[in-house]
Protein backbone atom coordinates (compact mmCIF):
# COMPACT_ATOMS: atom_id res chain seq x y z
CA MET A 1 139.40 95.01 108.43
CA LYS A 2 140.28 92.07 106.16
CA LEU A 3 140.02 89.70 109.13
CA ARG A 4 136.48 90.97 109.90
CA LYS A 5 135.40 90.39 106.30
CA MET A 6 136.87 86.92 106.32
CA VAL A 7 135.16 86.07 109.61
CA LEU A 8 131.88 87.46 108.26
CA VAL A 9 132.19 85.32 105.11
CA VAL A 10 132.88 82.21 107.22
CA ILE A 11 129.86 82.90 109.44
CA ILE A 12 127.58 83.46 106.44
CA ASN A 13 128.80 80.20 104.88
CA ILE A 14 128.14 78.31 108.09
CA PHE A 15 124.56 79.59 108.15
CA LEU A 16 124.06 78.71 104.48
CA ILE A 17 125.40 75.20 105.01
CA ALA A 18 123.25 74.78 108.11
CA GLU A 19 120.17 75.54 105.98
CA VAL A 20 121.07 73.10 103.17
CA ILE A 21 122.25 70.06 105.16
CA PRO A 22 119.04 69.46 107.15
CA ALA A 23 116.94 69.47 103.95
CA GLN A 24 119.22 66.92 102.28
CA THR A 25 119.38 64.82 105.41
CA SER A 26 115.58 64.91 105.69
CA ASP A 27 115.21 63.81 102.05
CA ILE A 28 117.70 60.97 102.50
CA ILE A 29 115.90 59.77 105.62
CA SER A 30 112.58 59.91 103.77
CA ILE A 31 114.02 57.93 100.84
CA LYS A 32 115.48 55.30 103.17
CA ASN A 33 112.11 55.01 104.92
CA GLU A 34 110.36 54.40 101.57
CA LEU A 35 112.89 51.72 100.61
CA ASN A 36 112.49 50.03 104.00
CA ARG A 37 108.69 50.14 103.61
CA TRP A 38 109.06 48.43 100.21
CA MET A 39 111.37 45.73 101.57
CA LYS A 40 109.26 45.15 104.68
CA GLY A 41 106.05 45.09 102.62
CA TYR A 42 107.51 42.50 100.26
CA ASN A 43 108.82 40.31 103.09
CA GLN A 44 105.47 40.47 104.91
CA LYS A 45 103.54 39.76 101.69
CA ASN A 46 101.76 43.11 102.02
CA LEU A 47 100.78 43.83 98.42
CA GLU A 48 100.03 47.54 98.93
CA ASN A 49 103.29 48.32 100.73
CA SER A 50 105.30 46.19 98.31
CA VAL A 51 104.39 48.54 95.45
CA ALA A 52 103.72 51.82 97.30
CA VAL A 53 107.21 53.17 96.52
CA PHE A 54 106.61 52.96 92.75
CA SER A 55 104.99 55.91 90.96
CA GLU A 56 101.98 55.40 88.72
CA ASP A 57 104.17 56.14 85.67
CA TYR A 58 107.06 53.93 86.84
CA ILE A 59 109.22 52.23 84.21
CA GLY A 60 111.74 49.58 85.20
CA TYR A 61 114.38 48.09 82.95
CA TYR A 62 115.93 44.67 83.47
CA ALA A 63 118.12 43.37 80.64
CA GLY A 64 116.44 40.72 78.53
CA HIS A 65 112.94 41.38 79.90
CA PRO A 66 110.06 43.65 78.90
CA ASP A 67 109.89 46.99 80.70
CA GLN A 68 108.15 46.79 84.05
CA SER A 69 105.33 49.02 85.21
CA ARG A 70 103.76 49.50 88.60
CA LYS A 71 100.88 47.33 87.41
CA SER A 72 103.14 44.50 86.23
CA LEU A 73 105.13 44.59 89.51
CA ARG A 74 101.90 44.42 91.46
CA GLU A 75 100.76 41.40 89.42
CA GLN A 76 104.12 39.65 89.90
CA ASN A 77 104.08 40.29 93.65
CA GLU A 78 100.50 39.10 93.94
CA GLU A 79 101.39 35.85 92.17
CA VAL A 80 104.37 35.25 94.47
CA PHE A 81 102.43 36.19 97.62
CA ASN A 82 99.52 33.89 96.74
CA ASN A 83 101.81 30.90 96.22
CA LYS A 84 101.58 29.08 99.55
CA TYR A 85 104.41 26.76 98.49
CA LEU A 86 106.94 29.55 98.03
CA LYS A 87 108.73 31.74 100.53
CA ALA A 88 110.19 34.88 98.96
CA THR A 89 112.30 37.52 100.68
CA LEU A 90 114.06 40.71 99.68
CA SER A 91 117.02 42.36 101.36
CA MET A 92 118.41 45.60 100.07
CA GLU A 93 121.24 48.00 100.76
CA ALA A 94 121.20 51.60 99.60
CA VAL A 95 124.86 52.12 98.70
CA GLU A 96 124.59 55.76 97.69
CA ILE A 97 121.77 58.30 97.86
CA GLU A 98 122.00 61.74 96.27
CA SER A 99 119.17 64.24 96.03
CA SER A 100 118.84 67.62 94.39
CA GLY A 101 115.57 69.48 94.41
CA ASP A 102 112.75 67.05 93.69
CA LEU A 103 114.91 64.33 92.12
CA ALA A 104 117.21 61.73 93.65
CA TYR A 105 119.12 58.66 92.65
CA VAL A 106 119.89 55.62 94.76
CA THR A 107 122.41 52.94 93.91
CA ILE A 108 121.33 49.65 95.43
CA LYS A 109 122.36 46.08 96.05
CA GLN A 110 119.50 43.59 96.29
CA LYS A 111 119.24 39.98 97.33
CA TRP A 112 116.13 38.07 96.38
CA ALA A 113 115.64 34.62 97.93
CA PHE A 114 112.99 32.18 96.68
CA LYS A 115 112.47 28.93 98.56
CA PRO A 116 109.85 26.38 97.53
CA THR A 117 108.59 24.43 100.56
CA ASN A 118 110.12 21.16 99.31
CA ALA A 119 113.51 22.66 98.46
CA GLY A 120 116.51 22.48 100.74
CA ASN A 121 118.17 25.79 99.93
CA PRO A 122 116.61 28.92 98.51
CA GLN A 123 117.42 30.15 95.02
CA ILE A 124 119.33 33.42 95.40
CA ALA A 125 119.33 36.27 92.91
CA LEU A 126 121.82 39.09 93.50
CA GLU A 127 121.37 42.39 91.71
CA LYS A 128 122.81 45.87 91.53
CA GLY A 129 120.92 48.81 90.20
CA ILE A 130 119.98 52.42 90.21
CA LEU A 131 116.68 53.96 91.20
CA ILE A 132 115.55 57.41 90.09
CA MET A 133 113.14 58.91 92.58
CA LYS A 134 110.92 61.96 92.51
CA LYS A 135 109.70 63.92 95.49
CA GLN A 136 105.91 64.02 95.72
CA SER A 137 103.71 66.95 96.73
CA ASP A 138 103.25 65.37 100.18
CA GLY A 139 107.04 65.26 100.71
CA GLY A 140 107.33 61.50 100.15
CA TRP A 141 109.44 59.91 97.44
CA LYS A 142 108.44 57.53 94.64
CA ILE A 143 110.57 55.51 92.22
CA ILE A 144 109.93 56.77 88.69
CA ARG A 145 112.65 54.79 86.86
CA SER A 146 114.93 51.91 87.72
CA SER A 147 117.46 49.65 86.11
CA THR A 148 118.91 46.56 87.73
CA PHE A 149 121.18 43.82 86.52
CA PRO A 150 122.24 40.47 87.94
CA VAL A 151 125.64 40.03 89.56
CA SER A 152 127.42 36.86 90.55
CA SER A 153 128.43 38.19 93.96
CA GLN A 154 127.97 41.34 95.99
CA LYS A 155 131.08 43.07 97.19
């Protein structure tokens, strides 16, 4: 009898885990897709896609600078994209993604490269940071808060 109860408990746990894992996996895939859309949008100088991942009430913190908003990021991107003498690229790695309910955090490593047309090598900025994301009513994810800081090398 004890063996039957134990087997029943194991089976119930397997079904419960099977229900939870696909939802988390789906959220993580959705978050990765949003981050890739951001990076691709920035690299293709697509203003809309370069800010689409940021919520309307987004606040970003970068030490020594005023808080960023979606509007200020859009203005910065527009200035960079309109500069025909500057090539700017973003590469990003999501190191860790955790979601629970309608909130998630992502730890990231970013590499920004800015190369004026007359320069030999691009200027590189390496950063680490954390993004706080919120699930939207349509199932997509938006960054609501972020904090990044410069690093001398990415390991």
